[in-house]
Amino acid sequence: MQPNEVLWFGVATIIAGTLWLALAINALAAFLALATSVSYLAAYTPLKTRTTLATAVGAIPGALPPLIGWAAARGNLSGGAWVLFAILFVWQFPHFMAIAWMYREDYGRAGILMLPVVDPSGDRTYRLILIMSALLIPVTVLPVVVGINGIPYFFGAFILGILMLQVACWANRARTNVRAKWLMHATVAHIPLLLIWMILDKMYR
């Protein structure tokens, strides 16, 4: 497909998807889905070659899908929805920084300003990884605070968070691509395990 064909195909699918959600589900879910597409394409994507802050901007559309699901199921955005958003938002930083560290040379050649591209020592990159990995621990126990989950979930989420923070600390001690890859795998395992535990705790409370 040619670039113009891709553009119009993408616009058509976004419009069609938004209309389908509005008619079949509700207007709030449709609006959030549209906001996800627009913020990703109009804000995050152009910023990739302009600033390292693009990752923070991109974490917003990256964390919006739970809000879409919540809005579709309940028709509102109560506290639980924003807790899920916060979990996904914070989680993306250690995940994407690990990937960016592994492929920093490729990103640099492509002109994409991921933090490791402008931070060859890794000091800023791994500081961000450690801060966000540590922050993920209290954020992932917030479902207990808002009443979504109970005490068993609290301990499971806490243990998962501590384990991921330990992997982040281990990766920081020797900033190799191999250790960054292990950190990436740890983040990939963390989210599904956390959500499965969240569901099981909700089912059997």
N, C-alpha and C. Protein backbone atom coordinates (compact mmCIF):
# COMPACT_ATOMS: atom_id res chain seq x y z
N MET A 1 0.84 -1.20 0.00
CA MET A 1 0.00 0.00 0.00
C MET A 1 0.88 1.25 0.00
N GLN A 2 0.40 2.30 -0.68
CA GLN A 2 1.10 3.57 -0.71
C GLN A 2 0.77 4.38 0.56
N PRO A 3 1.64 5.34 0.92
CA PRO A 3 1.40 6.11 2.14
C PRO A 3 0.01 6.74 2.22
N ASN A 4 -0.47 7.32 1.13
CA ASN A 4 -1.80 7.94 1.14
C ASN A 4 -2.89 6.90 1.37
N GLU A 5 -2.71 5.72 0.79
CA GLU A 5 -3.68 4.65 0.98
C GLU A 5 -3.70 4.19 2.44
N VAL A 6 -2.51 4.10 3.03
CA VAL A 6 -2.42 3.72 4.45
C VAL A 6 -3.11 4.75 5.32
N LEU A 7 -2.85 6.04 5.01
CA LEU A 7 -3.47 7.13 5.77
C LEU A 7 -4.98 7.04 5.74
N TRP A 8 -5.56 6.93 4.56
CA TRP A 8 -7.01 6.92 4.46
C TRP A 8 -7.62 5.63 4.99
N PHE A 9 -6.91 4.53 4.85
CA PHE A 9 -7.38 3.29 5.44
C PHE A 9 -7.42 3.41 6.97
N GLY A 10 -6.35 4.00 7.53
CA GLY A 10 -6.31 4.19 8.98
C GLY A 10 -7.40 5.10 9.47
N VAL A 11 -7.61 6.22 8.77
CA VAL A 11 -8.67 7.15 9.16
C VAL A 11 -10.03 6.48 9.09
N ALA A 12 -10.25 5.70 8.03
CA ALA A 12 -11.53 5.02 7.86
C ALA A 12 -11.79 4.01 8.97
N THR A 13 -10.76 3.25 9.35
CA THR A 13 -10.95 2.25 10.40
C THR A 13 -11.17 2.90 11.76
N ILE A 14 -10.50 4.03 12.01
CA ILE A 14 -10.72 4.74 13.28
C ILE A 14 -12.15 5.26 13.35
N ILE A 15 -12.63 5.86 12.26
CA ILE A 15 -14.00 6.37 12.23
C ILE A 15 -15.00 5.23 12.39
N ALA A 16 -14.78 4.15 11.65
CA ALA A 16 -15.69 3.01 11.71
C ALA A 16 -15.72 2.40 13.12
N GLY A 17 -14.53 2.25 13.69
CA GLY A 17 -14.45 1.67 15.04
C GLY A 17 -15.12 2.55 16.09
N THR A 18 -14.91 3.86 15.95
CA THR A 18 -15.54 4.79 16.90
C THR A 18 -17.05 4.75 16.79
N LEU A 19 -17.56 4.75 15.57
CA LEU A 19 -19.01 4.69 15.36
C LEU A 19 -19.59 3.38 15.88
N TRP A 20 -18.88 2.30 15.64
CA TRP A 20 -19.36 0.99 16.11
C TRP A 20 -19.45 0.96 17.63
N LEU A 21 -18.41 1.46 18.30
CA LEU A 21 -18.44 1.50 19.76
C LEU A 21 -19.57 2.38 20.27
N ALA A 22 -19.77 3.53 19.62
CA ALA A 22 -20.83 4.45 20.06
C ALA A 22 -22.21 3.81 19.92
N LEU A 23 -22.43 3.10 18.83
CA LEU A 23 -23.75 2.51 18.57
C LEU A 23 -23.96 1.20 19.33
N ALA A 24 -22.91 0.38 19.42
CA ALA A 24 -23.05 -0.95 20.02
C ALA A 24 -22.78 -0.96 21.52
N ILE A 25 -21.96 -0.04 21.99
CA ILE A 25 -21.59 -0.03 23.42
C ILE A 25 -22.11 1.24 24.08
N ASN A 26 -21.32 2.29 24.08
CA ASN A 26 -21.79 3.59 24.59
C ASN A 26 -20.84 4.69 24.13
N ALA A 27 -21.28 5.92 24.28
CA ALA A 27 -20.53 7.06 23.77
C ALA A 27 -19.21 7.26 24.53
N LEU A 28 -19.20 6.95 25.83
CA LEU A 28 -17.98 7.15 26.61
C LEU A 28 -16.87 6.22 26.13
N ALA A 29 -17.19 4.96 25.92
CA ALA A 29 -16.19 4.02 25.41
C ALA A 29 -15.69 4.45 24.04
N ALA A 30 -16.60 4.93 23.20
CA ALA A 30 -16.22 5.40 21.86
C ALA A 30 -15.29 6.61 21.95
N PHE A 31 -15.60 7.54 22.83
CA PHE A 31 -14.76 8.73 22.99
C PHE A 31 -13.36 8.36 23.47
N LEU A 32 -13.28 7.44 24.42
CA LEU A 32 -11.97 7.03 24.94
C LEU A 32 -11.15 6.30 23.89
N ALA A 33 -11.80 5.49 23.09
CA ALA A 33 -11.09 4.81 22.00
C ALA A 33 -10.56 5.81 20.98
N LEU A 34 -11.39 6.79 20.66
CA LEU A 34 -10.95 7.84 19.73
C LEU A 34 -9.80 8.64 20.33
N ALA A 35 -9.89 8.96 21.61
CA ALA A 35 -8.82 9.69 22.28
C ALA A 35 -7.52 8.89 22.28
N THR A 36 -7.62 7.58 22.40
CA THR A 36 -6.44 6.73 22.35
C THR A 36 -5.75 6.85 21.00
N SER A 37 -6.53 6.73 19.93
CA SER A 37 -5.97 6.81 18.58
C SER A 37 -5.37 8.17 18.30
N VAL A 38 -6.11 9.23 18.64
CA VAL A 38 -5.66 10.58 18.33
C VAL A 38 -4.41 10.94 19.12
N SER A 39 -4.39 10.63 20.42
CA SER A 39 -3.23 10.97 21.24
C SER A 39 -1.99 10.18 20.82
N TYR A 40 -2.20 8.94 20.40
CA TYR A 40 -1.07 8.13 19.95
C TYR A 40 -0.51 8.66 18.63
N LEU A 41 -1.39 8.94 17.68
CA LEU A 41 -0.95 9.32 16.34
C LEU A 41 -0.57 10.79 16.23
N ALA A 42 -1.33 11.66 16.90
CA ALA A 42 -1.12 13.10 16.74
C ALA A 42 -0.14 13.69 17.74
N ALA A 43 0.07 13.01 18.88
CA ALA A 43 0.98 13.53 19.90
C ALA A 43 2.22 12.64 20.06
N TYR A 44 2.00 11.41 20.45
CA TYR A 44 3.12 10.51 20.73
C TYR A 44 4.03 10.27 19.52
N THR A 45 3.43 9.89 18.40
CA THR A 45 4.24 9.53 17.23
C THR A 45 5.11 10.69 16.73
N PRO A 46 4.58 11.90 16.54
CA PRO A 46 5.45 13.00 16.09
C PRO A 46 6.54 13.37 17.09
N LEU A 47 6.27 13.15 18.38
CA LEU A 47 7.24 13.54 19.40
C LEU A 47 8.42 12.57 19.50
N LYS A 48 8.28 11.39 18.93
CA LYS A 48 9.35 10.39 19.05
C LYS A 48 10.69 10.89 18.55
N THR A 49 10.68 11.71 17.53
CA THR A 49 11.93 12.21 16.97
C THR A 49 12.31 13.59 17.50
N ARG A 50 11.54 14.09 18.46
CA ARG A 50 11.75 15.45 18.96
C ARG A 50 12.19 15.53 20.42
N THR A 51 11.72 14.61 21.25
CA THR A 51 12.01 14.71 22.67
C THR A 51 11.93 13.35 23.35
N THR A 52 12.73 13.18 24.39
CA THR A 52 12.68 11.95 25.17
C THR A 52 11.39 11.85 25.99
N LEU A 53 10.69 12.97 26.13
CA LEU A 53 9.42 12.96 26.87
C LEU A 53 8.31 12.26 26.10
N ALA A 54 8.59 11.87 24.87
CA ALA A 54 7.59 11.16 24.07
C ALA A 54 7.12 9.89 24.77
N THR A 55 8.02 9.24 25.51
CA THR A 55 7.65 8.02 26.21
C THR A 55 6.55 8.29 27.24
N ALA A 56 6.67 9.40 27.97
CA ALA A 56 5.66 9.75 28.96
C ALA A 56 4.34 10.08 28.28
N VAL A 57 4.41 10.78 27.15
CA VAL A 57 3.20 11.10 26.40
C VAL A 57 2.55 9.82 25.87
N GLY A 58 3.37 8.92 25.34
CA GLY A 58 2.85 7.67 24.79
C GLY A 58 2.29 6.74 25.84
N ALA A 59 2.72 6.91 27.08
CA ALA A 59 2.19 6.06 28.15
C ALA A 59 0.72 6.36 28.44
N ILE A 60 0.25 7.54 28.02
CA ILE A 60 -1.16 7.87 28.23
C ILE A 60 -2.07 7.03 27.34
N PRO A 61 -1.91 7.07 26.00
CA PRO A 61 -2.74 6.16 25.20
C PRO A 61 -2.46 4.69 25.50
N GLY A 62 -1.24 4.40 25.95
CA GLY A 62 -0.92 3.02 26.31
C GLY A 62 -1.69 2.53 27.51
N ALA A 63 -2.13 3.44 28.36
CA ALA A 63 -2.86 3.07 29.58
C ALA A 63 -4.37 3.29 29.47
N LEU A 64 -4.84 3.81 28.35
CA LEU A 64 -6.27 4.09 28.18
C LEU A 64 -7.14 2.86 27.95
N PRO A 65 -6.65 1.75 27.36
CA PRO A 65 -7.53 0.61 27.13
C PRO A 65 -8.33 0.11 28.34
N PRO A 66 -7.74 0.06 29.57
CA PRO A 66 -8.57 -0.34 30.71
C PRO A 66 -9.75 0.61 30.95
N LEU A 67 -9.55 1.90 30.65
CA LEU A 67 -10.66 2.85 30.80
C LEU A 67 -11.76 2.55 29.78
N ILE A 68 -11.35 2.16 28.57
CA ILE A 68 -12.34 1.81 27.54
C ILE A 68 -13.17 0.62 28.01
N GLY A 69 -12.48 -0.40 28.51
CA GLY A 69 -13.19 -1.58 28.99
C GLY A 69 -14.11 -1.28 30.15
N TRP A 70 -13.63 -0.46 31.09
CA TRP A 70 -14.44 -0.08 32.25
C TRP A 70 -15.68 0.69 31.80
N ALA A 71 -15.47 1.64 30.90
CA ALA A 71 -16.59 2.44 30.40
C ALA A 71 -17.59 1.56 29.65
N ALA A 72 -17.09 0.59 28.90
CA ALA A 72 -17.98 -0.31 28.16
C ALA A 72 -18.82 -1.16 29.11
N ALA A 73 -18.20 -1.60 30.20
CA ALA A 73 -18.90 -2.49 31.14
C ALA A 73 -19.81 -1.74 32.10
N ARG A 74 -19.41 -0.54 32.52
CA ARG A 74 -20.15 0.16 33.57
C ARG A 74 -20.74 1.50 33.14
N GLY A 75 -20.29 2.02 32.02
CA GLY A 75 -20.83 3.28 31.54
C GLY A 75 -20.34 4.49 32.28
N ASN A 76 -19.28 4.34 33.09
CA ASN A 76 -18.72 5.48 33.83
C ASN A 76 -17.23 5.25 34.03
N LEU A 77 -16.58 6.22 34.67
CA LEU A 77 -15.17 6.10 35.01
C LEU A 77 -15.00 6.35 36.50
N SER A 78 -15.30 5.36 37.29
CA SER A 78 -15.16 5.49 38.74
C SER A 78 -13.70 5.28 39.15
N GLY A 79 -13.46 5.30 40.46
CA GLY A 79 -12.09 5.25 40.96
C GLY A 79 -11.31 4.04 40.49
N GLY A 80 -11.98 2.89 40.41
CA GLY A 80 -11.30 1.67 39.99
C GLY A 80 -10.71 1.78 38.60
N ALA A 81 -11.41 2.46 37.71
CA ALA A 81 -10.92 2.64 36.35
C ALA A 81 -9.60 3.40 36.34
N TRP A 82 -9.52 4.45 37.15
CA TRP A 82 -8.30 5.27 37.17
C TRP A 82 -7.16 4.55 37.86
N VAL A 83 -7.46 3.64 38.77
CA VAL A 83 -6.42 2.81 39.38
C VAL A 83 -5.79 1.90 38.33
N LEU A 84 -6.63 1.28 37.50
CA LEU A 84 -6.11 0.44 36.42
C LEU A 84 -5.28 1.26 35.44
N PHE A 85 -5.74 2.47 35.14
CA PHE A 85 -4.98 3.38 34.28
C PHE A 85 -3.61 3.66 34.89
N ALA A 86 -3.58 3.95 36.19
CA ALA A 86 -2.32 4.28 36.86
C ALA A 86 -1.35 3.10 36.83
N ILE A 87 -1.86 1.89 37.02
CA ILE A 87 -1.00 0.71 36.99
C ILE A 87 -0.34 0.57 35.63
N LEU A 88 -1.15 0.66 34.58
CA LEU A 88 -0.60 0.51 33.22
C LEU A 88 0.34 1.67 32.88
N PHE A 89 0.02 2.87 33.33
CA PHE A 89 0.86 4.03 33.03
C PHE A 89 2.26 3.86 33.63
N VAL A 90 2.32 3.53 34.91
CA VAL A 90 3.62 3.40 35.58
C VAL A 90 4.40 2.21 35.05
N TRP A 91 3.71 1.10 34.81
CA TRP A 91 4.37 -0.13 34.35
C TRP A 91 5.13 0.07 33.04
N GLN A 92 4.62 0.95 32.18
CA GLN A 92 5.22 1.09 30.85
C GLN A 92 6.65 1.63 30.89
N PHE A 93 7.00 2.38 31.93
CA PHE A 93 8.33 3.01 31.97
C PHE A 93 9.45 1.98 32.12
N PRO A 94 9.42 1.10 33.12
CA PRO A 94 10.49 0.09 33.15
C PRO A 94 10.45 -0.85 31.95
N HIS A 95 9.25 -1.12 31.44
CA HIS A 95 9.12 -2.00 30.28
C HIS A 95 9.79 -1.40 29.05
N PHE A 96 9.41 -0.19 28.69
CA PHE A 96 9.94 0.41 27.48
C PHE A 96 11.37 0.89 27.63
N MET A 97 11.77 1.29 28.84
CA MET A 97 13.16 1.68 29.01
C MET A 97 14.10 0.49 28.88
N ALA A 98 13.65 -0.69 29.32
CA ALA A 98 14.46 -1.89 29.14
C ALA A 98 14.63 -2.20 27.66
N ILE A 99 13.54 -2.12 26.90
CA ILE A 99 13.61 -2.34 25.46
C ILE A 99 14.49 -1.29 24.79
N ALA A 100 14.30 -0.03 25.19
CA ALA A 100 15.07 1.06 24.59
C ALA A 100 16.56 0.92 24.88
N TRP A 101 16.91 0.41 26.06
CA TRP A 101 18.33 0.23 26.37
C TRP A 101 18.93 -0.87 25.47
N MET A 102 18.17 -1.95 25.26
CA MET A 102 18.64 -3.04 24.41
C MET A 102 18.87 -2.57 22.98
N TYR A 103 17.99 -1.71 22.49
CA TYR A 103 18.02 -1.32 21.08
C TYR A 103 18.36 0.16 20.90
N ARG A 104 19.13 0.72 21.83
CA ARG A 104 19.43 2.15 21.80
C ARG A 104 20.16 2.55 20.52
N GLU A 105 21.02 1.68 20.01
CA GLU A 105 21.74 2.02 18.78
C GLU A 105 20.79 2.06 17.59
N ASP A 106 19.87 1.13 17.52
CA ASP A 106 18.88 1.13 16.44
C ASP A 106 17.98 2.36 16.51
N TYR A 107 17.53 2.68 17.72
CA TYR A 107 16.71 3.89 17.89
C TYR A 107 17.48 5.13 17.46
N GLY A 108 18.77 5.18 17.83
CA GLY A 108 19.60 6.33 17.46
C GLY A 108 19.73 6.48 15.95
N ARG A 109 19.96 5.36 15.27
CA ARG A 109 20.08 5.41 13.81
C ARG A 109 18.78 5.83 13.15
N ALA A 110 17.65 5.49 13.78
CA ALA A 110 16.34 5.86 13.23
C ALA A 110 15.93 7.28 13.61
N GLY A 111 16.72 7.93 14.47
CA GLY A 111 16.40 9.30 14.87
C GLY A 111 15.32 9.39 15.92
N ILE A 112 15.06 8.29 16.62
CA ILE A 112 14.03 8.27 17.66
C ILE A 112 14.70 8.55 19.00
N LEU A 113 14.27 9.60 19.68
CA LEU A 113 14.93 10.07 20.89
C LEU A 113 14.44 9.37 22.15
N MET A 114 14.61 8.06 22.19
CA MET A 114 14.39 7.37 23.45
C MET A 114 15.49 7.79 24.43
N LEU A 115 15.19 7.77 25.71
CA LEU A 115 16.13 8.27 26.70
C LEU A 115 17.52 7.63 26.60
N PRO A 116 17.65 6.32 26.41
CA PRO A 116 19.00 5.73 26.31
C PRO A 116 19.83 6.26 25.14
N VAL A 117 19.19 6.81 24.12
CA VAL A 117 19.91 7.35 22.97
C VAL A 117 20.73 8.56 23.39
N VAL A 118 20.19 9.38 24.28
CA VAL A 118 20.89 10.60 24.72
C VAL A 118 21.52 10.42 26.10
N ASP A 119 21.49 9.20 26.62
CA ASP A 119 22.02 8.90 27.94
C ASP A 119 22.92 7.67 27.85
N PRO A 120 24.10 7.82 27.22
CA PRO A 120 24.96 6.66 26.98
C PRO A 120 25.43 5.96 28.25
N SER A 121 25.55 6.67 29.36
CA SER A 121 25.98 6.04 30.61
C SER A 121 24.88 5.19 31.23
N GLY A 122 23.63 5.52 30.91
CA GLY A 122 22.50 4.80 31.49
C GLY A 122 22.06 5.32 32.85
N ASP A 123 22.72 6.37 33.35
CA ASP A 123 22.38 6.88 34.68
C ASP A 123 20.93 7.34 34.76
N ARG A 124 20.52 8.17 33.81
CA ARG A 124 19.15 8.68 33.82
C ARG A 124 18.15 7.58 33.49
N THR A 125 18.52 6.73 32.56
CA THR A 125 17.62 5.65 32.15
C THR A 125 17.32 4.72 33.31
N TYR A 126 18.36 4.27 33.98
CA TYR A 126 18.15 3.31 35.06
C TYR A 126 17.60 3.97 36.32
N ARG A 127 17.87 5.26 36.49
CA ARG A 127 17.21 5.97 37.60
C ARG A 127 15.70 5.96 37.39
N LEU A 128 15.28 6.22 36.15
CA LEU A 128 13.85 6.20 35.84
C LEU A 128 13.27 4.80 36.02
N ILE A 129 14.00 3.79 35.57
CA ILE A 129 13.55 2.41 35.73
C ILE A 129 13.35 2.07 37.20
N LEU A 130 14.32 2.44 38.02
CA LEU A 130 14.24 2.11 39.46
C LEU A 130 13.12 2.88 40.14
N ILE A 131 12.98 4.16 39.82
CA ILE A 131 11.92 4.97 40.45
C ILE A 131 10.55 4.41 40.08
N MET A 132 10.33 4.12 38.81
CA MET A 132 9.02 3.64 38.38
C MET A 132 8.76 2.22 38.86
N SER A 133 9.78 1.39 38.92
CA SER A 133 9.60 0.04 39.45
C SER A 133 9.22 0.09 40.93
N ALA A 134 9.85 1.00 41.67
CA ALA A 134 9.50 1.16 43.08
C ALA A 134 8.10 1.73 43.23
N LEU A 135 7.75 2.71 42.40
CA LEU A 135 6.43 3.33 42.45
C LEU A 135 5.33 2.33 42.10
N LEU A 136 5.67 1.36 41.26
CA LEU A 136 4.68 0.38 40.84
C LEU A 136 4.16 -0.45 42.02
N ILE A 137 4.97 -0.61 43.06
CA ILE A 137 4.55 -1.41 44.21
C ILE A 137 3.34 -0.77 44.91
N PRO A 138 3.41 0.50 45.36
CA PRO A 138 2.20 1.07 45.98
C PRO A 138 1.05 1.25 45.00
N VAL A 139 1.36 1.52 43.73
CA VAL A 139 0.28 1.72 42.76
C VAL A 139 -0.50 0.43 42.53
N THR A 140 0.19 -0.71 42.49
CA THR A 140 -0.50 -1.97 42.23
C THR A 140 -1.31 -2.48 43.42
N VAL A 141 -1.11 -1.92 44.58
CA VAL A 141 -1.95 -2.31 45.72
C VAL A 141 -3.14 -1.37 45.90
N LEU A 142 -3.25 -0.34 45.07
CA LEU A 142 -4.38 0.58 45.16
C LEU A 142 -5.74 -0.08 44.94
N PRO A 143 -5.84 -1.18 44.15
CA PRO A 143 -7.15 -1.84 44.05
C PRO A 143 -7.73 -2.26 45.40
N VAL A 144 -6.88 -2.51 46.36
CA VAL A 144 -7.37 -2.84 47.71
C VAL A 144 -7.95 -1.59 48.37
N VAL A 145 -7.29 -0.46 48.16
CA VAL A 145 -7.73 0.80 48.77
C VAL A 145 -9.10 1.20 48.25
N VAL A 146 -9.35 1.02 46.95
CA VAL A 146 -10.63 1.44 46.36
C VAL A 146 -11.69 0.34 46.43
N GLY A 147 -11.35 -0.79 47.02
CA GLY A 147 -12.35 -1.83 47.25
C GLY A 147 -12.55 -2.83 46.13
N ILE A 148 -11.68 -2.80 45.11
CA ILE A 148 -11.81 -3.79 44.04
C ILE A 148 -11.37 -5.16 44.51
N ASN A 149 -10.28 -5.19 45.25
CA ASN A 149 -9.69 -6.46 45.70
C ASN A 149 -9.49 -6.48 47.20
N GLY A 150 -9.11 -7.68 47.69
CA GLY A 150 -8.93 -7.86 49.12
C GLY A 150 -7.49 -8.12 49.51
N ILE A 151 -7.32 -8.61 50.75
CA ILE A 151 -5.99 -8.80 51.32
C ILE A 151 -5.15 -9.83 50.55
N PRO A 152 -5.72 -10.96 50.10
CA PRO A 152 -4.88 -11.89 49.31
C PRO A 152 -4.25 -11.22 48.08
N TYR A 153 -5.04 -10.38 47.41
CA TYR A 153 -4.48 -9.65 46.26
C TYR A 153 -3.35 -8.74 46.71
N PHE A 154 -3.54 -8.07 47.84
CA PHE A 154 -2.52 -7.15 48.34
C PHE A 154 -1.16 -7.83 48.45
N PHE A 155 -1.14 -9.00 49.08
CA PHE A 155 0.13 -9.68 49.28
C PHE A 155 0.71 -10.19 47.96
N GLY A 156 -0.16 -10.68 47.07
CA GLY A 156 0.32 -11.14 45.77
C GLY A 156 0.92 -10.01 44.96
N ALA A 157 0.22 -8.86 44.93
CA ALA A 157 0.71 -7.70 44.18
C ALA A 157 2.01 -7.17 44.78
N PHE A 158 2.08 -7.17 46.09
CA PHE A 158 3.29 -6.68 46.78
C PHE A 158 4.49 -7.57 46.44
N ILE A 159 4.29 -8.88 46.47
CA ILE A 159 5.39 -9.80 46.16
C ILE A 159 5.84 -9.64 44.71
N LEU A 160 4.87 -9.55 43.79
CA LEU A 160 5.23 -9.36 42.38
C LEU A 160 6.01 -8.06 42.18
N GLY A 161 5.57 -7.01 42.86
CA GLY A 161 6.27 -5.73 42.74
C GLY A 161 7.68 -5.78 43.27
N ILE A 162 7.87 -6.44 44.41
CA ILE A 162 9.21 -6.57 45.00
C ILE A 162 10.12 -7.37 44.07
N LEU A 163 9.58 -8.44 43.50
CA LEU A 163 10.39 -9.25 42.59
C LEU A 163 10.83 -8.44 41.37
N MET A 164 9.91 -7.65 40.82
CA MET A 164 10.29 -6.87 39.65
C MET A 164 11.31 -5.79 40.01
N LEU A 165 11.15 -5.19 41.17
CA LEU A 165 12.13 -4.19 41.61
C LEU A 165 13.50 -4.82 41.80
N GLN A 166 13.53 -6.05 42.29
CA GLN A 166 14.80 -6.74 42.46
C GLN A 166 15.48 -6.98 41.11
N VAL A 167 14.69 -7.35 40.11
CA VAL A 167 15.25 -7.55 38.77
C VAL A 167 15.78 -6.22 38.22
N ALA A 168 15.06 -5.14 38.47
CA ALA A 168 15.50 -3.82 38.02
C ALA A 168 16.83 -3.43 38.69
N CYS A 169 16.95 -3.70 39.98
CA CYS A 169 18.20 -3.41 40.69
C CYS A 169 19.34 -4.25 40.15
N TRP A 170 19.06 -5.51 39.88
CA TRP A 170 20.07 -6.42 39.31
C TRP A 170 20.51 -5.94 37.94
N ALA A 171 19.58 -5.50 37.12
CA ALA A 171 19.92 -4.98 35.79
C ALA A 171 20.75 -3.72 35.89
N ASN A 172 20.47 -2.90 36.89
CA ASN A 172 21.21 -1.64 37.07
C ASN A 172 22.66 -1.87 37.47
N ARG A 173 22.91 -2.94 38.20
CA ARG A 173 24.27 -3.19 38.67
C ARG A 173 25.24 -3.50 37.53
N ALA A 174 24.75 -4.10 36.46
CA ALA A 174 25.57 -4.33 35.26
C ALA A 174 24.68 -4.05 34.06
N ARG A 175 24.82 -2.90 33.48
CA ARG A 175 23.87 -2.40 32.48
C ARG A 175 24.13 -3.01 31.10
N THR A 176 24.01 -4.32 31.05
CA THR A 176 24.23 -5.03 29.80
C THR A 176 22.90 -5.26 29.09
N ASN A 177 22.98 -5.56 27.81
CA ASN A 177 21.78 -5.86 27.05
C ASN A 177 21.11 -7.15 27.55
N VAL A 178 21.93 -8.09 28.01
CA VAL A 178 21.38 -9.35 28.52
C VAL A 178 20.52 -9.10 29.75
N ARG A 179 21.03 -8.28 30.67
CA ARG A 179 20.24 -8.00 31.88
C ARG A 179 19.03 -7.14 31.56
N ALA A 180 19.16 -6.22 30.61
CA ALA A 180 18.00 -5.44 30.19
C ALA A 180 16.93 -6.34 29.59
N LYS A 181 17.36 -7.38 28.87
CA LYS A 181 16.41 -8.33 28.28
C LYS A 181 15.68 -9.09 29.37
N TRP A 182 16.38 -9.48 30.40
CA TRP A 182 15.73 -10.15 31.53
C TRP A 182 14.74 -9.23 32.22
N LEU A 183 15.09 -7.96 32.34
CA LEU A 183 14.17 -6.99 32.91
C LEU A 183 12.93 -6.85 32.05
N MET A 184 13.13 -6.80 30.74
CA MET A 184 11.98 -6.73 29.83
C MET A 184 11.08 -7.94 30.01
N HIS A 185 11.67 -9.12 30.12
CA HIS A 185 10.87 -10.33 30.34
C HIS A 185 10.13 -10.26 31.68
N ALA A 186 10.79 -9.69 32.69
CA ALA A 186 10.14 -9.56 34.00
C ALA A 186 8.92 -8.66 33.92
N THR A 187 9.03 -7.56 33.17
CA THR A 187 7.88 -6.67 33.03
C THR A 187 6.75 -7.34 32.24
N VAL A 188 7.12 -8.11 31.22
CA VAL A 188 6.11 -8.81 30.41
C VAL A 188 5.37 -9.84 31.26
N ALA A 189 6.07 -10.50 32.17
CA ALA A 189 5.43 -11.48 33.05
C ALA A 189 4.60 -10.80 34.14
N HIS A 190 5.05 -9.65 34.59
CA HIS A 190 4.43 -8.98 35.73
C HIS A 190 2.96 -8.66 35.50
N ILE A 191 2.65 -8.01 34.37
CA ILE A 191 1.29 -7.54 34.14
C ILE A 191 0.26 -8.67 34.04
N PRO A 192 0.48 -9.71 33.21
CA PRO A 192 -0.53 -10.77 33.17
C PRO A 192 -0.70 -11.50 34.50
N LEU A 193 0.42 -11.72 35.21
CA LEU A 193 0.32 -12.37 36.52
C LEU A 193 -0.47 -11.51 37.49
N LEU A 194 -0.22 -10.21 37.47
CA LEU A 194 -0.94 -9.30 38.35
C LEU A 194 -2.43 -9.30 38.04
N LEU A 195 -2.78 -9.21 36.75
CA LEU A 195 -4.19 -9.15 36.37
C LEU A 195 -4.91 -10.47 36.62
N ILE A 196 -4.22 -11.58 36.39
CA ILE A 196 -4.83 -12.88 36.70
C ILE A 196 -5.09 -12.99 38.19
N TRP A 197 -4.11 -12.56 39.00
CA TRP A 197 -4.29 -12.60 40.45
C TRP A 197 -5.44 -11.67 40.88
N MET A 198 -5.55 -10.53 40.22
CA MET A 198 -6.63 -9.59 40.51
C MET A 198 -7.99 -10.24 40.23
N ILE A 199 -8.09 -10.93 39.10
CA ILE A 199 -9.35 -11.59 38.73
C ILE A 199 -9.69 -12.71 39.70
N LEU A 200 -8.70 -13.55 40.02
CA LEU A 200 -8.94 -14.66 40.93
C LEU A 200 -9.36 -14.17 42.30
N ASP A 201 -8.69 -13.13 42.78
CA ASP A 201 -9.05 -12.57 44.09
C ASP A 201 -10.48 -12.03 44.07
N LYS A 202 -10.85 -11.40 42.96
CA LYS A 202 -12.22 -10.85 42.83
C LYS A 202 -13.25 -11.98 42.78
N MET A 203 -12.91 -13.07 42.11
CA MET A 203 -13.84 -14.19 41.96
C MET A 203 -14.07 -14.93 43.27
N TYR A 204 -13.03 -15.06 44.07
CA TYR A 204 -13.09 -15.94 45.25
C TYR A 204 -13.03 -15.20 46.57
N ARG A 205 -13.30 -13.89 46.54
CA ARG A 205 -13.31 -13.13 47.81
C ARG A 205 -14.43 -13.60 48.71
